[in-house]
Amino acid sequence: MEFYIQDFTLPGYQLNFGNVHRYGYGPATQRPFGPNTNPVTFLLLADGNAETLSFWNDWLDLIIPHNTDPDKMNMGIRSAATGDFMYLVSYKDQYETDVKMDIFDDSGDVSVKYSLRQAYPSEVSPINMSWGALNDIVQFQVTMQYTDWQRHDNLTVSERTQVPTPSFPEF
């Protein structure tokens, strides 16, 4: 499915650090022990029938069903949208998917592609509505979590993974 995205954050990458004592005692040094990804946020343009907004809200309802008749809100009632029991968290393989993003240059050509592996939405922002904004396009934010990401550009694998060799002065 394709969406009109006004603004978004590129995926980030961060290393987790922990204290390591070189000899089991003495001064500690910080050493990386694993990667951590940061959430990605999209600012989407809604369509006139609210199908874009419904898509993202239905996806969230697939993760944790909550959309039902308010008079029947208890743990034994099933969600109207999914048929699952309300507030029962689904298994991750039931709601995660790979997301592909194309980044366009000024001439409209794809310059870089990104893939988010095992991605799913974690938030759809509230939308402020106003009579004064009758001619405005409705925008809303979606925040997505993911396991890993990959950038696809014109560089070969060897060019991307080539680490420069540091040079040290001789004494």
Foldseek 3Di string as FASTA:
>chain_A
DDFAWPDKDDKDKDFDWDWDDPVNDDDTDIDTDGMDIDKMKTKTWADPVRPVVVVQVLLVCQQFNDADDPVPPDQVDAHPSPRHGGRDGDDLVRRFAKDKDFDADPVGDGAKMKIFARKGWDDKDDWDDDPVCPPPTTIIMTIMDGDDMDMDHPDDPCVVPDDDDDDDDDD
